[in-house]
Amino acid sequence: MKVLKILSSILLITLAVSASAGQVVVRKSSEPFDAFAVRDEVQRLHEWREALRYQQQIQILQSLPFGCVPFAVPYRYFSCHGLFYRPYGFHNKELFIQIDPPVKKAPKVPLN
């Protein structure tokens, strides 16, 4: 009977100690912080990963061919002789994944 109580106590302590809440970021309250910008960035990264996951054929290069032109809008990518590549960090290396041609969004016009 005592052994059962000891084992159940150990199990309960193990479960309580092993619980985690995920990543916790601590910052000073005096530092500026935009929660909406963080949310938007996380959403963009999630959409990028989902697009990679659903892409049928993924062409990955370890280095870009000669003569590629870098672009920064709507996100960072490279144009190489009619093909488009986006940099992607993997195991502390920068790889380049072929993407569909980026669509540039039209500027917003304020309504009067």
PDB file of N, CA and C in Angstrom:
ATOM      1  N   MET A   1       0.819  -1.193   0.000  1.00  0.00           N
ATOM      2  CA  MET A   1       0.000   0.000   0.000  1.00  0.00           C
ATOM      3  C   MET A   1       0.862   1.256   0.000  1.00  0.00           C
ATOM      4  N   LYS A   2       1.923   1.257   0.830  1.00  0.00           N
ATOM      5  CA  LYS A   2       2.823   2.413   0.882  1.00  0.00           C
ATOM      6  C   LYS A   2       3.540   2.593  -0.454  1.00  0.00           C
ATOM      7  N   VAL A   3       3.886   1.490  -1.088  1.00  0.00           N
ATOM      8  CA  VAL A   3       4.590   1.552  -2.375  1.00  0.00           C
ATOM      9  C   VAL A   3       3.690   2.206  -3.419  1.00  0.00           C
ATOM     10  N   LEU A   4       2.421   1.886  -3.408  1.00  0.00           N
ATOM     11  CA  LEU A   4       1.473   2.479  -4.349  1.00  0.00           C
ATOM     12  C   LEU A   4       1.344   3.985  -4.130  1.00  0.00           C
ATOM     13  N   LYS A   5       1.298   4.418  -2.899  1.00  0.00           N
ATOM     14  CA  LYS A   5       1.225   5.844  -2.594  1.00  0.00           C
ATOM     15  C   LYS A   5       2.497   6.566  -3.034  1.00  0.00           C
ATOM     16  N   ILE A   6       3.648   5.938  -2.800  1.00  0.00           N
ATOM     17  CA  ILE A   6       4.925   6.539  -3.192  1.00  0.00           C
ATOM     18  C   ILE A   6       5.003   6.658  -4.709  1.00  0.00           C
ATOM     19  N   LEU A   7       4.628   5.586  -5.418  1.00  0.00           N
ATOM     20  CA  LEU A   7       4.665   5.624  -6.886  1.00  0.00           C
ATOM     21  C   LEU A   7       3.698   6.662  -7.449  1.00  0.00           C
ATOM     22  N   SER A   8       2.495   6.748  -6.882  1.00  0.00           N
ATOM     23  CA  SER A   8       1.555   7.751  -7.378  1.00  0.00           C
ATOM     24  C   SER A   8       2.041   9.168  -7.073  1.00  0.00           C
ATOM     25  N   SER A   9       2.710   9.363  -5.933  1.00  0.00           N
ATOM     26  CA  SER A   9       3.281  10.678  -5.610  1.00  0.00           C
ATOM     27  C   SER A   9       4.382  11.044  -6.580  1.00  0.00           C
ATOM     28  N   ILE A  10       5.236  10.090  -6.903  1.00  0.00           N
ATOM     29  CA  ILE A  10       6.325  10.336  -7.859  1.00  0.00           C
ATOM     30  C   ILE A  10       5.750  10.661  -9.231  1.00  0.00           C
ATOM     31  N   LEU A  11       4.735   9.937  -9.647  1.00  0.00           N
ATOM     32  CA  LEU A  11       4.094  10.193 -10.931  1.00  0.00           C
ATOM     33  C   LEU A  11       3.476  11.590 -10.970  1.00  0.00           C
ATOM     34  N   LEU A  12       2.809  11.979  -9.915  1.00  0.00           N
ATOM     35  CA  LEU A  12       2.197  13.303  -9.845  1.00  0.00           C
ATOM     36  C   LEU A  12       3.250  14.404  -9.891  1.00  0.00           C
ATOM     37  N   ILE A  13       4.350  14.237  -9.180  1.00  0.00           N
ATOM     38  CA  ILE A  13       5.433  15.227  -9.189  1.00  0.00           C
ATOM     39  C   ILE A  13       6.057  15.313 -10.574  1.00  0.00           C
ATOM     40  N   THR A  14       6.265  14.164 -11.222  1.00  0.00           N
ATOM     41  CA  THR A  14       6.850  14.152 -12.570  1.00  0.00           C
ATOM     42  C   THR A  14       5.950  14.893 -13.551  1.00  0.00           C
ATOM     43  N   LEU A  15       4.661  14.667 -13.484  1.00  0.00           N
ATOM     44  CA  LEU A  15       3.736  15.357 -14.389  1.00  0.00           C
ATOM     45  C   LEU A  15       3.714  16.856 -14.127  1.00  0.00           C
ATOM     46  N   ALA A  16       3.767  17.244 -12.874  1.00  0.00           N
ATOM     47  CA  ALA A  16       3.735  18.666 -12.539  1.00  0.00           C
ATOM     48  C   ALA A  16       5.004  19.369 -13.009  1.00  0.00           C
ATOM     49  N   VAL A  17       6.142  18.718 -12.908  1.00  0.00           N
ATOM     50  CA  VAL A  17       7.416  19.323 -13.292  1.00  0.00           C
ATOM     51  C   VAL A  17       7.568  19.372 -14.805  1.00  0.00           C
ATOM     52  N   SER A  18       7.049  18.376 -15.520  1.00  0.00           N
ATOM     53  CA  SER A  18       7.262  18.301 -16.958  1.00  0.00           C
ATOM     54  C   SER A  18       6.318  19.182 -17.760  1.00  0.00           C
ATOM     55  N   ALA A  19       5.331  19.795 -17.149  1.00  0.00           N
ATOM     56  CA  ALA A  19       4.406  20.674 -17.880  1.00  0.00           C
ATOM     57  C   ALA A  19       5.142  21.940 -18.299  1.00  0.00           C
ATOM     58  N   SER A  20       4.880  22.370 -19.536  1.00  0.00           N
ATOM     59  CA  SER A  20       5.522  23.594 -20.018  1.00  0.00           C
ATOM     60  C   SER A  20       4.500  24.430 -20.776  1.00  0.00           C
ATOM     61  N   ALA A  21       4.754  25.726 -20.824  1.00  0.00           N
ATOM     62  CA  ALA A  21       3.817  26.650 -21.466  1.00  0.00           C
ATOM     63  C   ALA A  21       4.306  27.120 -22.820  1.00  0.00           C
ATOM     64  N   GLY A  22       5.423  26.620 -23.303  1.00  0.00           N
ATOM     65  CA  GLY A  22       5.966  27.080 -24.567  1.00  0.00           C
ATOM     66  C   GLY A  22       6.989  28.172 -24.345  1.00  0.00           C
ATOM     67  N   GLN A  23       7.273  28.938 -25.376  1.00  0.00           N
ATOM     68  CA  GLN A  23       8.285  29.978 -25.294  1.00  0.00           C
ATOM     69  C   GLN A  23       7.751  31.177 -24.515  1.00  0.00           C
ATOM     70  N   VAL A  24       8.549  31.663 -23.582  1.00  0.00           N
ATOM     71  CA  VAL A  24       8.191  32.834 -22.791  1.00  0.00           C
ATOM     72  C   VAL A  24       9.259  33.899 -23.036  1.00  0.00           C
ATOM     73  N   VAL A  25       8.821  35.088 -23.411  1.00  0.00           N
ATOM     74  CA  VAL A  25       9.747  36.192 -23.674  1.00  0.00           C
ATOM     75  C   VAL A  25       9.544  37.239 -22.588  1.00  0.00           C
ATOM     76  N   VAL A  26      10.650  37.635 -21.963  1.00  0.00           N
ATOM     77  CA  VAL A  26      10.600  38.644 -20.914  1.00  0.00           C
ATOM     78  C   VAL A  26      11.243  39.914 -21.458  1.00  0.00           C
ATOM     79  N   ARG A  27      10.599  41.045 -21.240  1.00  0.00           N
ATOM     80  CA  ARG A  27      11.141  42.313 -21.699  1.00  0.00           C
ATOM     81  C   ARG A  27      10.802  43.385 -20.671  1.00  0.00           C
ATOM     82  N   LYS A  28      11.520  44.481 -20.760  1.00  0.00           N
ATOM     83  CA  LYS A  28      11.255  45.604 -19.865  1.00  0.00           C
ATOM     84  C   LYS A  28      10.011  46.330 -20.332  1.00  0.00           C
ATOM     85  N   SER A  29       9.229  46.822 -19.405  1.00  0.00           N
ATOM     86  CA  SER A  29       8.015  47.541 -19.781  1.00  0.00           C
ATOM     87  C   SER A  29       8.331  48.884 -20.434  1.00  0.00           C
ATOM     88  N   SER A  30       9.547  49.382 -20.262  1.00  0.00           N
ATOM     89  CA  SER A  30       9.912  50.656 -20.871  1.00  0.00           C
ATOM     90  C   SER A  30      10.275  50.504 -22.349  1.00  0.00           C
ATOM     91  N   GLU A  31      10.518  49.260 -22.824  1.00  0.00           N
ATOM     92  CA  GLU A  31      10.860  49.038 -24.221  1.00  0.00           C
ATOM     93  C   GLU A  31       9.592  49.058 -25.065  1.00  0.00           C
ATOM     94  N   PRO A  32       9.657  49.703 -26.251  1.00  0.00           N
ATOM     95  CA  PRO A  32       8.466  49.709 -27.110  1.00  0.00           C
ATOM     96  C   PRO A  32       8.190  48.297 -27.643  1.00  0.00           C
ATOM     97  N   PHE A  33       6.920  47.965 -27.782  1.00  0.00           N
ATOM     98  CA  PHE A  33       6.543  46.623 -28.218  1.00  0.00           C
ATOM     99  C   PHE A  33       5.236  46.704 -28.991  1.00  0.00           C
ATOM    100  N   ASP A  34       5.226  46.142 -30.164  1.00  0.00           N
ATOM    101  CA  ASP A  34       4.026  46.132 -30.994  1.00  0.00           C
ATOM    102  C   ASP A  34       3.559  44.690 -31.149  1.00  0.00           C
ATOM    103  N   ALA A  35       2.589  44.295 -30.363  1.00  0.00           N
ATOM    104  CA  ALA A  35       2.090  42.918 -30.381  1.00  0.00           C
ATOM    105  C   ALA A  35       1.475  42.571 -31.732  1.00  0.00           C
ATOM    106  N   PHE A  36       0.866  43.544 -32.387  1.00  0.00           N
ATOM    107  CA  PHE A  36       0.240  43.272 -33.668  1.00  0.00           C
ATOM    108  C   PHE A  36       1.289  42.986 -34.747  1.00  0.00           C
ATOM    109  N   ALA A  37       2.426  43.675 -34.697  1.00  0.00           N
ATOM    110  CA  ALA A  37       3.500  43.417 -35.651  1.00  0.00           C
ATOM    111  C   ALA A  37       4.065  42.011 -35.451  1.00  0.00           C
ATOM    112  N   VAL A  38       4.211  41.606 -34.208  1.00  0.00           N
ATOM    113  CA  VAL A  38       4.693  40.256 -33.918  1.00  0.00           C
ATOM    114  C   VAL A  38       3.699  39.227 -34.438  1.00  0.00           C
ATOM    115  N   ARG A  39       2.407  39.462 -34.187  1.00  0.00           N
ATOM    116  CA  ARG A  39       1.369  38.555 -34.671  1.00  0.00           C
ATOM    117  C   ARG A  39       1.401  38.446 -36.193  1.00  0.00           C
ATOM    118  N   ASP A  40       1.541  39.583 -36.879  1.00  0.00           N
ATOM    119  CA  ASP A  40       1.567  39.585 -38.341  1.00  0.00           C
ATOM    120  C   ASP A  40       2.780  38.840 -38.871  1.00  0.00           C
ATOM    121  N   GLU A  41       3.933  39.020 -38.236  1.00  0.00           N
ATOM    122  CA  GLU A  41       5.150  38.330 -38.672  1.00  0.00           C
ATOM    123  C   GLU A  41       5.013  36.820 -38.483  1.00  0.00           C
ATOM    124  N   VAL A  42       4.459  36.398 -37.368  1.00  0.00           N
ATOM    125  CA  VAL A  42       4.244  34.966 -37.133  1.00  0.00           C
ATOM    126  C   VAL A  42       3.288  34.403 -38.171  1.00  0.00           C
ATOM    127  N   GLN A  43       2.260  35.159 -38.510  1.00  0.00           N
ATOM    128  CA  GLN A  43       1.307  34.713 -39.520  1.00  0.00           C
ATOM    129  C   GLN A  43       1.971  34.600 -40.893  1.00  0.00           C
ATOM    130  N   ARG A  44       2.824  35.580 -41.259  1.00  0.00           N
ATOM    131  CA  ARG A  44       3.522  35.522 -42.545  1.00  0.00           C
ATOM    132  C   ARG A  44       4.447  34.306 -42.600  1.00  0.00           C
ATOM    133  N   LEU A  45       5.170  34.041 -41.522  1.00  0.00           N
ATOM    134  CA  LEU A  45       6.047  32.873 -41.500  1.00  0.00           C
ATOM    135  C   LEU A  45       5.247  31.574 -41.614  1.00  0.00           C
ATOM    136  N   HIS A  46       4.112  31.524 -40.951  1.00  0.00           N
ATOM    137  CA  HIS A  46       3.270  30.329 -41.034  1.00  0.00           C
ATOM    138  C   HIS A  46       2.763  30.124 -42.461  1.00  0.00           C
ATOM    139  N   GLU A  47       2.311  31.195 -43.103  1.00  0.00           N
ATOM    140  CA  GLU A  47       1.828  31.093 -44.479  1.00  0.00           C
ATOM    141  C   GLU A  47       2.948  30.647 -45.421  1.00  0.00           C
ATOM    142  N   TRP A  48       4.159  31.146 -45.198  1.00  0.00           N
ATOM    143  CA  TRP A  48       5.308  30.767 -46.029  1.00  0.00           C
ATOM    144  C   TRP A  48       5.603  29.284 -45.860  1.00  0.00           C
ATOM    145  N   ARG A  49       5.600  28.791 -44.632  1.00  0.00           N
ATOM    146  CA  ARG A  49       5.869  27.365 -44.397  1.00  0.00           C
ATOM    147  C   ARG A  49       4.764  26.488 -44.998  1.00  0.00           C
ATOM    148  N   GLU A  50       3.527  26.928 -44.898  1.00  0.00           N
ATOM    149  CA  GLU A  50       2.421  26.171 -45.479  1.00  0.00           C
ATOM    150  C   GLU A  50       2.535  26.138 -47.002  1.00  0.00           C
ATOM    151  N   ALA A  51       2.917  27.248 -47.613  1.00  0.00           N
ATOM    152  CA  ALA A  51       3.087  27.282 -49.065  1.00  0.00           C
ATOM    153  C   ALA A  51       4.175  26.315 -49.490  1.00  0.00           C
ATOM    154  N   LEU A  52       5.250  26.253 -48.737  1.00  0.00           N
ATOM    155  CA  LEU A  52       6.312  25.296 -49.055  1.00  0.00           C
ATOM    156  C   LEU A  52       5.819  23.858 -48.923  1.00  0.00           C
ATOM    157  N   ARG A  53       5.036  23.623 -47.899  1.00  0.00           N
ATOM    158  CA  ARG A  53       4.553  22.268 -47.648  1.00  0.00           C
ATOM    159  C   ARG A  53       3.613  21.794 -48.755  1.00  0.00           C
ATOM    160  N   TYR A  54       2.796  22.691 -49.288  1.00  0.00           N
ATOM    161  CA  TYR A  54       1.825  22.313 -50.302  1.00  0.00           C
ATOM    162  C   TYR A  54       2.389  22.334 -51.719  1.00  0.00           C
ATOM    163  N   GLN A  55       3.542  22.919 -51.893  1.00  0.00           N
ATOM    164  CA  GLN A  55       4.097  23.011 -53.246  1.00  0.00           C
ATOM    165  C   GLN A  55       4.433  21.610 -53.743  1.00  0.00           C
ATOM    166  N   GLN A  56       4.031  21.271 -54.961  1.00  0.00           N
ATOM    167  CA  GLN A  56       4.194  19.921 -55.495  1.00  0.00           C
ATOM    168  C   GLN A  56       5.663  19.579 -55.736  1.00  0.00           C
ATOM    169  N   GLN A  57       6.365  20.414 -56.455  1.00  0.00           N
ATOM    170  CA  GLN A  57       7.771  20.169 -56.739  1.00  0.00           C
ATOM    171  C   GLN A  57       8.578  21.303 -56.130  1.00  0.00           C
ATOM    172  N   ILE A  58       9.435  20.947 -55.215  1.00  0.00           N
ATOM    173  CA  ILE A  58      10.272  21.965 -54.579  1.00  0.00           C
ATOM    174  C   ILE A  58      11.688  21.819 -55.117  1.00  0.00           C
ATOM    175  N   GLN A  59      12.175  22.891 -55.721  1.00  0.00           N
ATOM    176  CA  GLN A  59      13.552  22.894 -56.197  1.00  0.00           C
ATOM    177  C   GLN A  59      14.371  23.715 -55.209  1.00  0.00           C
ATOM    178  N   ILE A  60      15.372  23.078 -54.613  1.00  0.00           N
ATOM    179  CA  ILE A  60      16.194  23.727 -53.599  1.00  0.00           C
ATOM    180  C   ILE A  60      17.616  23.847 -54.127  1.00  0.00           C
ATOM    181  N   LEU A  61      18.170  25.047 -54.038  1.00  0.00           N
ATOM    182  CA  LEU A  61      19.549  25.296 -54.460  1.00  0.00           C
ATOM    183  C   LEU A  61      20.392  25.672 -53.249  1.00  0.00           C
ATOM    184  N   GLN A  62      21.648  25.230 -53.242  1.00  0.00           N
ATOM    185  CA  GLN A  62      22.550  25.627 -52.165  1.00  0.00           C
ATOM    186  C   GLN A  62      23.214  26.955 -52.474  1.00  0.00           C
ATOM    187  N   SER A  63      23.279  27.317 -53.747  1.00  0.00           N
ATOM    188  CA  SER A  63      23.794  28.631 -54.130  1.00  0.00           C
ATOM    189  C   SER A  63      23.073  29.068 -55.399  1.00  0.00           C
ATOM    190  N   LEU A  64      22.897  30.355 -55.532  1.00  0.00           N
ATOM    191  CA  LEU A  64      22.187  30.888 -56.695  1.00  0.00           C
ATOM    192  C   LEU A  64      23.090  30.903 -57.917  1.00  0.00           C
ATOM    193  N   PRO A  65      22.505  30.759 -59.107  1.00  0.00           N
ATOM    194  CA  PRO A  65      23.311  30.874 -60.330  1.00  0.00           C
ATOM    195  C   PRO A  65      23.807  32.309 -60.523  1.00  0.00           C
ATOM    196  N   PHE A  66      24.795  32.478 -61.351  1.00  0.00           N
ATOM    197  CA  PHE A  66      25.374  33.788 -61.626  1.00  0.00           C
ATOM    198  C   PHE A  66      24.358  34.665 -62.343  1.00  0.00           C
ATOM    199  N   GLY A  67      24.287  35.935 -61.961  1.00  0.00           N
ATOM    200  CA  GLY A  67      23.427  36.900 -62.644  1.00  0.00           C
ATOM    201  C   GLY A  67      22.047  37.064 -62.046  1.00  0.00           C
ATOM    202  N   CYS A  68      21.830  36.608 -60.842  1.00  0.00           N
ATOM    203  CA  CYS A  68      20.519  36.768 -60.197  1.00  0.00           C
ATOM    204  C   CYS A  68      20.366  38.196 -59.670  1.00  0.00           C
ATOM    205  N   VAL A  69      19.146  38.702 -59.748  1.00  0.00           N
ATOM    206  CA  VAL A  69      18.853  40.066 -59.316  1.00  0.00           C
ATOM    207  C   VAL A  69      18.051  39.998 -58.014  1.00  0.00           C
ATOM    208  N   PRO A  70      18.528  40.665 -56.941  1.00  0.00           N
ATOM    209  CA  PRO A  70      17.774  40.635 -55.674  1.00  0.00           C
ATOM    210  C   PRO A  70      16.628  41.649 -55.666  1.00  0.00           C
ATOM    211  N   PHE A  71      15.538  41.286 -55.008  1.00  0.00           N
ATOM    212  CA  PHE A  71      14.387  42.164 -54.806  1.00  0.00           C
ATOM    213  C   PHE A  71      13.987  42.103 -53.342  1.00  0.00           C
ATOM    214  N   ALA A  72      13.369  43.169 -52.841  1.00  0.00           N
ATOM    215  CA  ALA A  72      12.953  43.211 -51.437  1.00  0.00           C
ATOM    216  C   ALA A  72      11.443  43.357 -51.272  1.00  0.00           C
ATOM    217  N   VAL A  73      10.701  43.610 -52.352  1.00  0.00           N
ATOM    218  CA  VAL A  73       9.262  43.844 -52.248  1.00  0.00           C
ATOM    219  C   VAL A  73       8.540  42.810 -53.103  1.00  0.00           C
ATOM    220  N   PRO A  74       7.518  42.139 -52.709  1.00  0.00           N
ATOM    221  CA  PRO A  74       6.809  42.229 -51.439  1.00  0.00           C
ATOM    222  C   PRO A  74       7.511  41.500 -50.296  1.00  0.00           C
ATOM    223  N   TYR A  75       8.551  40.730 -50.582  1.00  0.00           N
ATOM    224  CA  TYR A  75       9.406  40.089 -49.591  1.00  0.00           C
ATOM    225  C   TYR A  75      10.747  39.860 -50.271  1.00  0.00           C
ATOM    226  N   ARG A  76      11.738  39.386 -49.548  1.00  0.00           N
ATOM    227  CA  ARG A  76      13.076  39.188 -50.111  1.00  0.00           C
ATOM    228  C   ARG A  76      13.084  37.962 -51.025  1.00  0.00           C
ATOM    229  N   TYR A  77      13.470  38.173 -52.305  1.00  0.00           N
ATOM    230  CA  TYR A  77      13.579  37.067 -53.248  1.00  0.00           C
ATOM    231  C   TYR A  77      14.577  37.440 -54.343  1.00  0.00           C
ATOM    232  N   PHE A  78      14.903  36.477 -55.197  1.00  0.00           N
ATOM    233  CA  PHE A  78      15.862  36.674 -56.276  1.00  0.00           C
ATOM    234  C   PHE A  78      15.245  36.227 -57.592  1.00  0.00           C
ATOM    235  N   SER A  79      15.510  36.989 -58.640  1.00  0.00           N
ATOM    236  CA  SER A  79      15.080  36.633 -59.981  1.00  0.00           C
ATOM    237  C   SER A  79      16.308  36.148 -60.753  1.00  0.00           C
ATOM    238  N   CYS A  80      16.228  34.911 -61.239  1.00  0.00           N
ATOM    239  CA  CYS A  80      17.366  34.297 -61.930  1.00  0.00           C
ATOM    240  C   CYS A  80      16.919  33.746 -63.282  1.00  0.00           C
ATOM    241  N   HIS A  81      17.104  34.510 -64.342  1.00  0.00           N
ATOM    242  CA  HIS A  81      16.822  34.060 -65.705  1.00  0.00           C
ATOM    243  C   HIS A  81      15.392  33.525 -65.840  1.00  0.00           C
ATOM    244  N   GLY A  82      14.412  34.256 -65.295  1.00  0.00           N
ATOM    245  CA  GLY A  82      13.012  33.865 -65.418  1.00  0.00           C
ATOM    246  C   GLY A  82      12.510  32.956 -64.307  1.00  0.00           C
ATOM    247  N   LEU A  83      13.393  32.491 -63.426  1.00  0.00           N
ATOM    248  CA  LEU A  83      12.989  31.693 -62.267  1.00  0.00           C
ATOM    249  C   LEU A  83      13.148  32.542 -61.016  1.00  0.00           C
ATOM    250  N   PHE A  84      12.371  32.258 -59.998  1.00  0.00           N
ATOM    251  CA  PHE A  84      12.389  33.055 -58.781  1.00  0.00           C
ATOM    252  C   PHE A  84      12.718  32.163 -57.587  1.00  0.00           C
ATOM    253  N   TYR A  85      13.576  32.677 -56.705  1.00  0.00           N
ATOM    254  CA  TYR A  85      14.019  31.925 -55.532  1.00  0.00           C
ATOM    255  C   TYR A  85      13.897  32.796 -54.293  1.00  0.00           C
ATOM    256  N   ARG A  86      13.559  32.147 -53.184  1.00  0.00           N
ATOM    257  CA  ARG A  86      13.469  32.843 -51.911  1.00  0.00           C
ATOM    258  C   ARG A  86      14.432  32.189 -50.932  1.00  0.00           C
ATOM    259  N   PRO A  87      15.200  32.997 -50.170  1.00  0.00           N
ATOM    260  CA  PRO A  87      16.135  32.412 -49.206  1.00  0.00           C
ATOM    261  C   PRO A  87      15.393  31.776 -48.035  1.00  0.00           C
ATOM    262  N   TYR A  88      15.963  30.692 -47.536  1.00  0.00           N
ATOM    263  CA  TYR A  88      15.348  29.955 -46.429  1.00  0.00           C
ATOM    264  C   TYR A  88      16.466  29.400 -45.562  1.00  0.00           C
ATOM    265  N   GLY A  89      16.442  29.726 -44.279  1.00  0.00           N
ATOM    266  CA  GLY A  89      17.467  29.234 -43.357  1.00  0.00           C
ATOM    267  C   GLY A  89      17.174  27.805 -42.934  1.00  0.00           C
ATOM    268  N   PHE A  90      18.186  26.926 -43.024  1.00  0.00           N
ATOM    269  CA  PHE A  90      18.022  25.526 -42.640  1.00  0.00           C
ATOM    270  C   PHE A  90      19.343  25.014 -42.095  1.00  0.00           C
ATOM    271  N   HIS A  91      19.340  24.610 -40.829  1.00  0.00           N
ATOM    272  CA  HIS A  91      20.556  24.103 -40.160  1.00  0.00           C
ATOM    273  C   HIS A  91      21.724  25.074 -40.312  1.00  0.00           C
ATOM    274  N   ASN A  92      21.486  26.331 -40.008  1.00  0.00           N
ATOM    275  CA  ASN A  92      22.500  27.392 -40.064  1.00  0.00           C
ATOM    276  C   ASN A  92      23.091  27.583 -41.456  1.00  0.00           C
ATOM    277  N   LYS A  93      22.360  27.213 -42.494  1.00  0.00           N
ATOM    278  CA  LYS A  93      22.770  27.454 -43.877  1.00  0.00           C
ATOM    279  C   LYS A  93      21.635  28.179 -44.575  1.00  0.00           C
ATOM    280  N   GLU A  94      21.966  28.973 -45.571  1.00  0.00           N
ATOM    281  CA  GLU A  94      20.949  29.645 -46.358  1.00  0.00           C
ATOM    282  C   GLU A  94      20.760  28.872 -47.658  1.00  0.00           C
ATOM    283  N   LEU A  95      19.579  28.304 -47.826  1.00  0.00           N
ATOM    284  CA  LEU A  95      19.211  27.610 -49.050  1.00  0.00           C
ATOM    285  C   LEU A  95      18.263  28.498 -49.833  1.00  0.00           C
ATOM    286  N   PHE A  96      18.080  28.192 -51.098  1.00  0.00           N
ATOM    287  CA  PHE A  96      17.196  28.980 -51.945  1.00  0.00           C
ATOM    288  C   PHE A  96      16.161  28.050 -52.551  1.00  0.00           C
ATOM    289  N   ILE A  97      14.892  28.368 -52.319  1.00  0.00           N
ATOM    290  CA  ILE A  97      13.788  27.533 -52.754  1.00  0.00           C
ATOM    291  C   ILE A  97      13.054  28.235 -53.880  1.00  0.00           C
ATOM    292  N   GLN A  98      12.796  27.490 -54.959  1.00  0.00           N
ATOM    293  CA  GLN A  98      12.102  28.074 -56.101  1.00  0.00           C
ATOM    294  C   GLN A  98      10.663  28.378 -55.720  1.00  0.00           C
ATOM    295  N   ILE A  99      10.207  29.566 -56.105  1.00  0.00           N
ATOM    296  CA  ILE A  99       8.847  30.016 -55.806  1.00  0.00           C
ATOM    297  C   ILE A  99       8.156  30.445 -57.094  1.00  0.00           C
ATOM    298  N   ASP A 100       6.850  30.615 -56.999  1.00  0.00           N
ATOM    299  CA  ASP A 100       6.098  31.177 -58.120  1.00  0.00           C
ATOM    300  C   ASP A 100       6.445  32.658 -58.231  1.00  0.00           C
ATOM    301  N   PRO A 101       6.255  33.262 -59.404  1.00  0.00           N
ATOM    302  CA  PRO A 101       6.546  34.695 -59.532  1.00  0.00           C
ATOM    303  C   PRO A 101       5.755  35.500 -58.506  1.00  0.00           C
ATOM    304  N   PRO A 102       6.450  36.369 -57.743  1.00  0.00           N
ATOM    305  CA  PRO A 102       5.756  37.170 -56.721  1.00  0.00           C
ATOM    306  C   PRO A 102       4.789  38.156 -57.358  1.00  0.00           C
ATOM    307  N   VAL A 103       3.674  38.366 -56.687  1.00  0.00           N
ATOM    308  CA  VAL A 103       2.668  39.328 -57.135  1.00  0.00           C
ATOM    309  C   VAL A 103       2.814  40.567 -56.278  1.00  0.00           C
ATOM    310  N   LYS A 104       3.097  41.672 -56.919  1.00  0.00           N
ATOM    311  CA  LYS A 104       3.239  42.930 -56.177  1.00  0.00           C
ATOM    312  C   LYS A 104       1.859  43.517 -55.958  1.00  0.00           C
ATOM    313  N   LYS A 105       1.595  43.894 -54.719  1.00  0.00           N
ATOM    314  CA  LYS A 105       0.301  44.474 -54.380  1.00  0.00           C
ATOM    315  C   LYS A 105       0.241  45.918 -54.833  1.00  0.00           C
ATOM    316  N   ALA A 106      -0.932  46.322 -55.289  1.00  0.00           N
ATOM    317  CA  ALA A 106      -1.126  47.715 -55.692  1.00  0.00           C
ATOM    318  C   ALA A 106      -1.155  48.590 -54.452  1.00  0.00           C
ATOM    319  N   PRO A 107      -0.601  49.805 -54.524  1.00  0.00           N
ATOM    320  CA  PRO A 107      -0.628  50.684 -53.356  1.00  0.00           C
ATOM    321  C   PRO A 107      -2.051  51.060 -52.993  1.00  0.00           C
ATOM    322  N   LYS A 108      -2.298  51.223 -51.705  1.00  0.00           N
ATOM    323  CA  LYS A 108      -3.618  51.600 -51.230  1.00  0.00           C
ATOM    324  C   LYS A 108      -3.849  53.089 -51.474  1.00  0.00           C
ATOM    325  N   VAL A 109      -5.031  53.409 -51.970  1.00  0.00           N
ATOM    326  CA  VAL A 109      -5.397  54.787 -52.233  1.00  0.00           C
ATOM    327  C   VAL A 109      -6.375  55.216 -51.148  1.00  0.00           C
ATOM    328  N   PRO A 110      -6.078  56.318 -50.436  1.00  0.00           N
ATOM    329  CA  PRO A 110      -6.994  56.744 -49.381  1.00  0.00           C
ATOM    330  C   PRO A 110      -8.320  57.214 -49.951  1.00  0.00           C
ATOM    331  N   LEU A 111      -9.399  56.851 -49.240  1.00  0.00           N
ATOM    332  CA  LEU A 111     -10.737  57.280 -49.649  1.00  0.00           C
ATOM    333  C   LEU A 111     -11.055  58.627 -49.035  1.00  0.00           C
ATOM    334  N   ASN A 112     -11.672  59.492 -49.787  1.00  0.00           N
ATOM    335  CA  ASN A 112     -12.033  60.819 -49.274  1.00  0.00           C
ATOM    336  C   ASN A 112     -13.434  60.838 -48.752  1.00  0.00           C
TER     337      ASN A 112
END
